[in-house]
Amino acid sequence: MHIIKLDATASTNAFLKDLWQNQNPPDETIVWAQDQFGGRGQKGTEWHSEAGKNLTFSVLKYFEGLEVGYQFVLNMVVSLAVRDALNDLKIPEISIKWPNDILSGSHKICGILIENIVKAKEIRASVIGIGLNVNQEDFGELESAGSLKLITGLSYNLDSLITLISESLHKRLSTINSHNYSDIMSEYEEVLYRIGIPSTFMLPDGSKLVGIIDGITDGGQLKLKTEQTTRMFNMKEISLLN
């Protein structure tokens, strides 16, 4: 494990992608910033983190022969790796909110952003960005946000925590070429937030839809049962309200 520590950067993903293009760093290189002031989440949302209190880092992972069609398998594996580490810490009620937010109860504690480097229909490398709320206690008006300290009342050592998560990532990522995709999907669906529970969703036009999450497709689409039928949605096509 090779860790590059930064005092501050706009985005650890952007920093690591630039490093990959210019210096060819080793597999599983980690860029960790004490202050990430321009981090992004899914759909271009910003990830706000209080300097020195959370984990904001990115991991470079090389692949051989991983077909681009299996991008969501990588998404599931990374989400499950973070879940594994949090379970080791006995953080309660960990679930994955599709596609890859990590929740404790109803509070979001971690966001993941994976950017793949694709060539000839294969994923050659991935930059895996992880933002975990650790010791931050004030999130302003973000009522849905939480942190490990708010949940448990404990303060956490960030060096120990990044070691735990990186070891969990290494273990999970080493299985991604084993072709046990159905097993990975089953495990992911078992911890999917609000699966099997009637929930309200918002569509891009602002309209609302009531349905029940029925799992995911092989390509990572959300399967949603409504009164009339089962519909499939991509990430930008639907968002969960409650």
C-alpha atoms as a PDB file:
ATOM      1  CA  MET A   1       0.000   0.000   0.000  1.00  0.00           C
ATOM      2  CA  HIS A   2       1.516   3.271  -1.179  1.00  0.00           C
ATOM      3  CA  ILE A   3      -0.129   6.344   0.398  1.00  0.00           C
ATOM      4  CA  ILE A   4       0.439   9.890  -0.813  1.00  0.00           C
ATOM      5  CA  LYS A   5      -0.733  12.389   1.805  1.00  0.00           C
ATOM      6  CA  LEU A   6      -1.783  15.870   0.760  1.00  0.00           C
ATOM      7  CA  ASP A   7      -2.628  18.839   2.947  1.00  0.00           C
ATOM      8  CA  ALA A   8      -5.293  19.954   0.486  1.00  0.00           C
ATOM      9  CA  THR A   9      -6.513  19.376  -3.045  1.00  0.00           C
ATOM     10  CA  ALA A  10      -9.661  20.110  -5.008  1.00  0.00           C
ATOM     11  CA  SER A  11     -10.228  16.432  -5.795  1.00  0.00           C
ATOM     12  CA  THR A  12      -8.219  13.336  -4.910  1.00  0.00           C
ATOM     13  CA  ASN A  13      -9.713  11.600  -7.953  1.00  0.00           C
ATOM     14  CA  ALA A  14      -8.458  14.349 -10.261  1.00  0.00           C
ATOM     15  CA  PHE A  15      -5.034  14.368  -8.568  1.00  0.00           C
ATOM     16  CA  LEU A  16      -4.697  10.591  -8.910  1.00  0.00           C
ATOM     17  CA  LYS A  17      -5.825  10.569 -12.555  1.00  0.00           C
ATOM     18  CA  ASP A  18      -3.192  13.180 -13.333  1.00  0.00           C
ATOM     19  CA  LEU A  19      -0.609  11.095 -11.479  1.00  0.00           C
ATOM     20  CA  TRP A  20      -1.598   8.018 -13.498  1.00  0.00           C
ATOM     21  CA  GLN A  21      -1.214   9.883 -16.778  1.00  0.00           C
ATOM     22  CA  ASN A  22       2.221  11.268 -15.954  1.00  0.00           C
ATOM     23  CA  GLN A  23       3.996   8.907 -13.546  1.00  0.00           C
ATOM     24  CA  ASN A  24       2.468   5.414 -13.888  1.00  0.00           C
ATOM     25  CA  PRO A  25       2.071   4.827 -10.112  1.00  0.00           C
ATOM     26  CA  PRO A  26       1.856   1.275  -8.721  1.00  0.00           C
ATOM     27  CA  ASP A  27      -1.362  -0.666  -8.286  1.00  0.00           C
ATOM     28  CA  GLU A  28      -3.506   0.378  -5.305  1.00  0.00           C
ATOM     29  CA  THR A  29      -1.745   3.716  -4.866  1.00  0.00           C
ATOM     30  CA  ILE A  30      -3.760   5.882  -2.472  1.00  0.00           C
ATOM     31  CA  VAL A  31      -4.026   9.677  -2.518  1.00  0.00           C
ATOM     32  CA  TRP A  32      -5.333  10.996   0.803  1.00  0.00           C
ATOM     33  CA  ALA A  33      -6.144  14.655   1.380  1.00  0.00           C
ATOM     34  CA  GLN A  34      -6.658  16.257   4.774  1.00  0.00           C
ATOM     35  CA  ASP A  35      -8.775  18.878   3.023  1.00  0.00           C
ATOM     36  CA  GLN A  36     -10.660  18.136  -0.189  1.00  0.00           C
ATOM     37  CA  PHE A  37     -12.426  21.315  -1.184  1.00  0.00           C
ATOM     38  CA  GLY A  38     -13.871  20.369  -4.560  1.00  0.00           C
ATOM     39  CA  GLY A  39     -14.890  16.723  -4.249  1.00  0.00           C
ATOM     40  CA  ARG A  40     -17.703  15.423  -6.427  1.00  0.00           C
ATOM     41  CA  GLY A  41     -20.313  12.763  -5.918  1.00  0.00           C
ATOM     42  CA  GLN A  42     -22.688  10.996  -8.246  1.00  0.00           C
ATOM     43  CA  LYS A  43     -24.643  13.217 -10.677  1.00  0.00           C
ATOM     44  CA  GLY A  44     -22.063  15.986 -10.206  1.00  0.00           C
ATOM     45  CA  THR A  45     -23.101  16.781  -6.633  1.00  0.00           C
ATOM     46  CA  GLU A  46     -20.493  18.285  -4.324  1.00  0.00           C
ATOM     47  CA  TRP A  47     -19.121  16.450  -1.304  1.00  0.00           C
ATOM     48  CA  HIS A  48     -18.480  18.839   1.585  1.00  0.00           C
ATOM     49  CA  SER A  49     -15.957  17.718   4.176  1.00  0.00           C
ATOM     50  CA  GLU A  50     -14.546  19.513   7.209  1.00  0.00           C
ATOM     51  CA  ALA A  51     -10.744  19.569   6.929  1.00  0.00           C
ATOM     52  CA  GLY A  52      -8.874  17.059   9.079  1.00  0.00           C
ATOM     53  CA  LYS A  53     -11.951  15.320  10.437  1.00  0.00           C
ATOM     54  CA  ASN A  54     -12.917  12.899   7.699  1.00  0.00           C
ATOM     55  CA  LEU A  55     -11.418  10.500   5.194  1.00  0.00           C
ATOM     56  CA  THR A  56     -11.272  11.812   1.635  1.00  0.00           C
ATOM     57  CA  PHE A  57      -9.096   9.585  -0.512  1.00  0.00           C
ATOM     58  CA  SER A  58      -8.805   7.837  -3.860  1.00  0.00           C
ATOM     59  CA  VAL A  59      -7.382   4.447  -4.816  1.00  0.00           C
ATOM     60  CA  LEU A  60      -5.892   3.484  -8.186  1.00  0.00           C
ATOM     61  CA  LYS A  61      -6.655  -0.079  -9.268  1.00  0.00           C
ATOM     62  CA  TYR A  62      -5.390  -1.761 -12.435  1.00  0.00           C
ATOM     63  CA  PHE A  63      -7.306  -4.526 -14.202  1.00  0.00           C
ATOM     64  CA  GLU A  64      -6.670  -7.051 -16.941  1.00  0.00           C
ATOM     65  CA  GLY A  65      -9.529  -8.311 -19.065  1.00  0.00           C
ATOM     66  CA  LEU A  66     -12.351  -6.682 -17.089  1.00  0.00           C
ATOM     67  CA  GLU A  67     -15.062  -6.047 -19.659  1.00  0.00           C
ATOM     68  CA  VAL A  68     -16.611  -2.596 -19.665  1.00  0.00           C
ATOM     69  CA  GLY A  69     -20.037  -4.202 -19.260  1.00  0.00           C
ATOM     70  CA  TYR A  70     -19.077  -5.182 -15.731  1.00  0.00           C
ATOM     71  CA  GLN A  71     -18.631  -1.625 -14.479  1.00  0.00           C
ATOM     72  CA  PHE A  72     -21.380  -2.063 -11.934  1.00  0.00           C
ATOM     73  CA  VAL A  73     -19.709  -5.171 -10.531  1.00  0.00           C
ATOM     74  CA  LEU A  74     -16.812  -2.927  -9.544  1.00  0.00           C
ATOM     75  CA  ASN A  75     -19.306  -0.515  -7.996  1.00  0.00           C
ATOM     76  CA  MET A  76     -20.824  -3.318  -5.922  1.00  0.00           C
ATOM     77  CA  VAL A  77     -17.457  -4.694  -4.817  1.00  0.00           C
ATOM     78  CA  VAL A  78     -16.214  -1.303  -3.604  1.00  0.00           C
ATOM     79  CA  SER A  79     -19.476  -0.604  -1.761  1.00  0.00           C
ATOM     80  CA  LEU A  80     -19.309  -3.996  -0.066  1.00  0.00           C
ATOM     81  CA  ALA A  81     -15.667  -3.447   0.896  1.00  0.00           C
ATOM     82  CA  VAL A  82     -16.544  -0.217   2.713  1.00  0.00           C
ATOM     83  CA  ARG A  83     -19.486  -1.999   4.328  1.00  0.00           C
ATOM     84  CA  ASP A  84     -17.128  -4.768   5.523  1.00  0.00           C
ATOM     85  CA  ALA A  85     -14.798  -2.271   7.189  1.00  0.00           C
ATOM     86  CA  LEU A  86     -17.660  -0.468   8.922  1.00  0.00           C
ATOM     87  CA  ASN A  87     -19.051  -3.778  10.133  1.00  0.00           C
ATOM     88  CA  ASP A  88     -15.627  -4.531  11.641  1.00  0.00           C
ATOM     89  CA  LEU A  89     -15.995  -1.268  13.582  1.00  0.00           C
ATOM     90  CA  LYS A  90     -19.481  -2.360  14.690  1.00  0.00           C
ATOM     91  CA  ILE A  91     -21.168   0.668  13.108  1.00  0.00           C
ATOM     92  CA  PRO A  92     -24.893  -0.174  13.346  1.00  0.00           C
ATOM     93  CA  GLU A  93     -27.447  -0.667  10.572  1.00  0.00           C
ATOM     94  CA  ILE A  94     -25.103  -0.387   7.597  1.00  0.00           C
ATOM     95  CA  SER A  95     -26.819  -0.485   4.209  1.00  0.00           C
ATOM     96  CA  ILE A  96     -26.050   0.570   0.639  1.00  0.00           C
ATOM     97  CA  LYS A  97     -28.309   3.144  -0.975  1.00  0.00           C
ATOM     98  CA  TRP A  98     -28.296   2.479  -4.709  1.00  0.00           C
ATOM     99  CA  PRO A  99     -25.995   2.889  -6.418  1.00  0.00           C
ATOM    100  CA  ASN A 100     -23.201   3.361  -3.856  1.00  0.00           C
ATOM    101  CA  ASP A 101     -23.945   5.608  -0.888  1.00  0.00           C
ATOM    102  CA  ILE A 102     -23.264   3.992   2.477  1.00  0.00           C
ATOM    103  CA  LEU A 103     -25.812   4.605   5.223  1.00  0.00           C
ATOM    104  CA  SER A 104     -26.049   3.929   8.931  1.00  0.00           C
ATOM    105  CA  GLY A 105     -29.745   3.784   9.636  1.00  0.00           C
ATOM    106  CA  SER A 106     -31.138   6.605   7.514  1.00  0.00           C
ATOM    107  CA  HIS A 107     -27.991   8.768   7.664  1.00  0.00           C
ATOM    108  CA  LYS A 108     -25.487   8.952   4.823  1.00  0.00           C
ATOM    109  CA  ILE A 109     -21.966   8.506   6.116  1.00  0.00           C
ATOM    110  CA  CYS A 110     -20.043   7.694   2.942  1.00  0.00           C
ATOM    111  CA  GLY A 111     -20.076   8.556  -0.745  1.00  0.00           C
ATOM    112  CA  ILE A 112     -18.229   6.735  -3.505  1.00  0.00           C
ATOM    113  CA  LEU A 113     -17.275   7.968  -6.969  1.00  0.00           C
ATOM    114  CA  ILE A 114     -15.601   5.550  -9.386  1.00  0.00           C
ATOM    115  CA  GLU A 115     -14.055   6.812 -12.620  1.00  0.00           C
ATOM    116  CA  ASN A 116     -12.946   4.124 -15.064  1.00  0.00           C
ATOM    117  CA  ILE A 117     -10.195   4.310 -17.658  1.00  0.00           C
ATOM    118  CA  VAL A 118     -11.479   2.299 -20.619  1.00  0.00           C
ATOM    119  CA  LYS A 119      -9.602   1.057 -23.686  1.00  0.00           C
ATOM    120  CA  ALA A 120     -10.777  -1.405 -26.341  1.00  0.00           C
ATOM    121  CA  LYS A 121     -13.967  -2.204 -24.398  1.00  0.00           C
ATOM    122  CA  GLU A 122     -12.013  -3.148 -21.282  1.00  0.00           C
ATOM    123  CA  ILE A 123     -11.554  -1.342 -17.976  1.00  0.00           C
ATOM    124  CA  ARG A 124      -7.788  -0.937 -17.733  1.00  0.00           C
ATOM    125  CA  ALA A 125      -7.801   1.029 -14.488  1.00  0.00           C
ATOM    126  CA  SER A 126     -10.183   2.643 -12.044  1.00  0.00           C
ATOM    127  CA  VAL A 127      -9.851   5.639  -9.770  1.00  0.00           C
ATOM    128  CA  ILE A 128     -11.985   4.886  -6.722  1.00  0.00           C
ATOM    129  CA  GLY A 129     -12.890   7.960  -4.699  1.00  0.00           C
ATOM    130  CA  ILE A 130     -14.209   7.533  -1.156  1.00  0.00           C
ATOM    131  CA  GLY A 131     -15.476  10.226   1.193  1.00  0.00           C
ATOM    132  CA  LEU A 132     -16.266   8.950   4.682  1.00  0.00           C
ATOM    133  CA  ASN A 133     -17.625  11.198   7.438  1.00  0.00           C
ATOM    134  CA  VAL A 134     -15.641  10.258  10.520  1.00  0.00           C
ATOM    135  CA  ASN A 135     -15.218  12.850  13.276  1.00  0.00           C
ATOM    136  CA  GLN A 136     -17.259  15.729  11.841  1.00  0.00           C
ATOM    137  CA  GLU A 137     -20.271  16.653  13.983  1.00  0.00           C
ATOM    138  CA  ASP A 138     -21.843  19.642  12.237  1.00  0.00           C
ATOM    139  CA  PHE A 139     -23.337  19.275   8.764  1.00  0.00           C
ATOM    140  CA  GLY A 140     -25.415  22.430   8.748  1.00  0.00           C
ATOM    141  CA  GLU A 141     -28.741  21.923   7.006  1.00  0.00           C
ATOM    142  CA  LEU A 142     -27.864  18.458   5.685  1.00  0.00           C
ATOM    143  CA  GLU A 143     -30.194  16.545   7.978  1.00  0.00           C
ATOM    144  CA  SER A 144     -29.566  13.253   6.199  1.00  0.00           C
ATOM    145  CA  ALA A 145     -25.789  13.380   6.794  1.00  0.00           C
ATOM    146  CA  GLY A 146     -24.131  11.545   9.645  1.00  0.00           C
ATOM    147  CA  SER A 147     -20.677  10.532  10.807  1.00  0.00           C
ATOM    148  CA  LEU A 148     -19.103   7.704  12.751  1.00  0.00           C
ATOM    149  CA  LYS A 149     -18.660   9.983  15.766  1.00  0.00           C
ATOM    150  CA  LEU A 150     -22.274  11.181  15.721  1.00  0.00           C
ATOM    151  CA  ILE A 151     -23.455   7.575  15.528  1.00  0.00           C
ATOM    152  CA  THR A 152     -21.211   5.986  18.154  1.00  0.00           C
ATOM    153  CA  GLY A 153     -20.013   8.918  20.276  1.00  0.00           C
ATOM    154  CA  LEU A 154     -16.415   7.830  19.672  1.00  0.00           C
ATOM    155  CA  SER A 155     -13.517   9.612  17.988  1.00  0.00           C
ATOM    156  CA  TYR A 156     -11.587   7.638  15.368  1.00  0.00           C
ATOM    157  CA  ASN A 157      -7.940   7.602  14.334  1.00  0.00           C
ATOM    158  CA  LEU A 158      -7.884   8.383  10.618  1.00  0.00           C
ATOM    159  CA  ASP A 159      -4.605   6.540   9.946  1.00  0.00           C
ATOM    160  CA  SER A 160      -5.984   3.338  11.448  1.00  0.00           C
ATOM    161  CA  LEU A 161      -9.250   3.774   9.600  1.00  0.00           C
ATOM    162  CA  ILE A 162      -7.709   4.241   6.151  1.00  0.00           C
ATOM    163  CA  THR A 163      -5.592   1.128   6.746  1.00  0.00           C
ATOM    164  CA  LEU A 164      -8.696  -0.878   7.638  1.00  0.00           C
ATOM    165  CA  ILE A 165     -10.629   0.282   4.570  1.00  0.00           C
ATOM    166  CA  SER A 166      -7.690  -0.178   2.179  1.00  0.00           C
ATOM    167  CA  GLU A 167      -7.194  -3.746   3.430  1.00  0.00           C
ATOM    168  CA  SER A 168     -10.895  -4.429   2.927  1.00  0.00           C
ATOM    169  CA  LEU A 169     -10.719  -2.968  -0.587  1.00  0.00           C
ATOM    170  CA  HIS A 170      -7.688  -5.092  -1.434  1.00  0.00           C
ATOM    171  CA  LYS A 171      -9.458  -8.233  -0.296  1.00  0.00           C
ATOM    172  CA  ARG A 172     -12.649  -7.490  -2.195  1.00  0.00           C
ATOM    173  CA  LEU A 173     -10.979  -6.240  -5.381  1.00  0.00           C
ATOM    174  CA  SER A 174      -8.889  -9.404  -5.590  1.00  0.00           C
ATOM    175  CA  THR A 175     -12.135 -11.344  -6.157  1.00  0.00           C
ATOM    176  CA  ILE A 176     -13.422  -9.251  -9.031  1.00  0.00           C
ATOM    177  CA  ASN A 177     -11.839 -11.495 -11.661  1.00  0.00           C
ATOM    178  CA  SER A 178     -13.262 -14.669 -10.131  1.00  0.00           C
ATOM    179  CA  HIS A 179     -16.483 -14.257 -12.160  1.00  0.00           C
ATOM    180  CA  ASN A 180     -18.683 -14.809  -9.110  1.00  0.00           C
ATOM    181  CA  TYR A 181     -20.860 -11.950 -10.304  1.00  0.00           C
ATOM    182  CA  SER A 182     -24.142 -13.535  -9.221  1.00  0.00           C
ATOM    183  CA  ASP A 183     -22.773 -14.044  -5.702  1.00  0.00           C
ATOM    184  CA  ILE A 184     -21.601 -10.424  -5.547  1.00  0.00           C
ATOM    185  CA  MET A 185     -24.984  -9.196  -6.757  1.00  0.00           C
ATOM    186  CA  SER A 186     -26.855 -11.318  -4.211  1.00  0.00           C
ATOM    187  CA  GLU A 187     -24.715  -9.979  -1.385  1.00  0.00           C
ATOM    188  CA  TYR A 188     -25.201  -6.404  -2.601  1.00  0.00           C
ATOM    189  CA  GLU A 189     -28.978  -6.800  -2.845  1.00  0.00           C
ATOM    190  CA  GLU A 190     -29.142  -8.252   0.671  1.00  0.00           C
ATOM    191  CA  VAL A 191     -27.941  -4.935   2.116  1.00  0.00           C
ATOM    192  CA  LEU A 192     -29.674  -2.618  -0.371  1.00  0.00           C
ATOM    193  CA  TYR A 193     -31.414   0.249   1.427  1.00  0.00           C
ATOM    194  CA  ARG A 194     -35.231  -0.071   1.481  1.00  0.00           C
ATOM    195  CA  ILE A 195     -35.335  -3.150  -0.724  1.00  0.00           C
ATOM    196  CA  GLY A 196     -38.810  -4.683  -0.583  1.00  0.00           C
ATOM    197  CA  ILE A 197     -40.270  -1.620   1.181  1.00  0.00           C
ATOM    198  CA  PRO A 198     -42.777   0.765  -0.447  1.00  0.00           C
ATOM    199  CA  SER A 199     -40.897   4.005  -1.102  1.00  0.00           C
ATOM    200  CA  THR A 200     -41.354   7.329  -2.872  1.00  0.00           C
ATOM    201  CA  PHE A 201     -39.082   8.333  -5.739  1.00  0.00           C
ATOM    202  CA  MET A 202     -38.639  11.480  -7.798  1.00  0.00           C
ATOM    203  CA  LEU A 203     -38.269  11.487 -11.574  1.00  0.00           C
ATOM    204  CA  PRO A 204     -36.263  14.085 -13.551  1.00  0.00           C
ATOM    205  CA  ASP A 205     -39.407  16.054 -14.426  1.00  0.00           C
ATOM    206  CA  GLY A 206     -40.209  16.511 -10.719  1.00  0.00           C
ATOM    207  CA  SER A 207     -43.052  14.008 -10.622  1.00  0.00           C
ATOM    208  CA  LYS A 208     -43.190  11.383  -7.888  1.00  0.00           C
ATOM    209  CA  LEU A 209     -43.512   7.636  -8.154  1.00  0.00           C
ATOM    210  CA  VAL A 210     -44.339   5.086  -5.466  1.00  0.00           C
ATOM    211  CA  GLY A 211     -42.770   1.683  -5.872  1.00  0.00           C
ATOM    212  CA  ILE A 212     -40.859  -1.150  -4.251  1.00  0.00           C
ATOM    213  CA  ILE A 213     -37.175  -1.795  -4.940  1.00  0.00           C
ATOM    214  CA  ASP A 214     -36.922  -5.328  -6.328  1.00  0.00           C
ATOM    215  CA  GLY A 215     -33.162  -5.495  -6.846  1.00  0.00           C
ATOM    216  CA  ILE A 216     -30.882  -4.519  -9.697  1.00  0.00           C
ATOM    217  CA  THR A 217     -30.195  -5.689 -13.248  1.00  0.00           C
ATOM    218  CA  ASP A 218     -26.881  -7.120 -14.447  1.00  0.00           C
ATOM    219  CA  GLY A 219     -26.049  -3.675 -15.796  1.00  0.00           C
ATOM    220  CA  GLY A 220     -26.748  -1.941 -12.485  1.00  0.00           C
ATOM    221  CA  GLN A 221     -30.192  -0.509 -13.242  1.00  0.00           C
ATOM    222  CA  LEU A 222     -32.631  -0.257 -10.351  1.00  0.00           C
ATOM    223  CA  LYS A 223     -35.612  -2.612 -10.643  1.00  0.00           C
ATOM    224  CA  LEU A 224     -38.724  -0.917  -9.284  1.00  0.00           C
ATOM    225  CA  LYS A 225     -42.095  -2.616  -8.871  1.00  0.00           C
ATOM    226  CA  THR A 226     -45.073  -0.324  -9.331  1.00  0.00           C
ATOM    227  CA  GLU A 227     -48.787  -1.119  -9.301  1.00  0.00           C
ATOM    228  CA  GLN A 228     -48.769  -1.747 -13.034  1.00  0.00           C
ATOM    229  CA  THR A 229     -45.388  -3.281 -13.851  1.00  0.00           C
ATOM    230  CA  THR A 230     -41.669  -3.553 -13.049  1.00  0.00           C
ATOM    231  CA  ARG A 231     -39.599  -0.684 -14.433  1.00  0.00           C
ATOM    232  CA  MET A 232     -35.837  -0.268 -14.819  1.00  0.00           C
ATOM    233  CA  PHE A 233     -34.012   2.996 -14.077  1.00  0.00           C
ATOM    234  CA  ASN A 234     -30.502   4.307 -14.611  1.00  0.00           C
ATOM    235  CA  MET A 235     -28.762   6.513 -12.020  1.00  0.00           C
ATOM    236  CA  LYS A 236     -29.823   9.866 -13.411  1.00  0.00           C
ATOM    237  CA  GLU A 237     -33.382   8.770 -14.073  1.00  0.00           C
ATOM    238  CA  ILE A 238     -34.670   8.431 -10.509  1.00  0.00           C
ATOM    239  CA  SER A 239     -33.852   9.395  -6.918  1.00  0.00           C
ATOM    240  CA  LEU A 240     -35.153   7.996  -3.646  1.00  0.00           C
ATOM    241  CA  LEU A 241     -37.037  10.426  -1.422  1.00  0.00           C
ATOM    242  CA  ASN A 242     -38.019   8.118   1.449  1.00  0.00           C
END
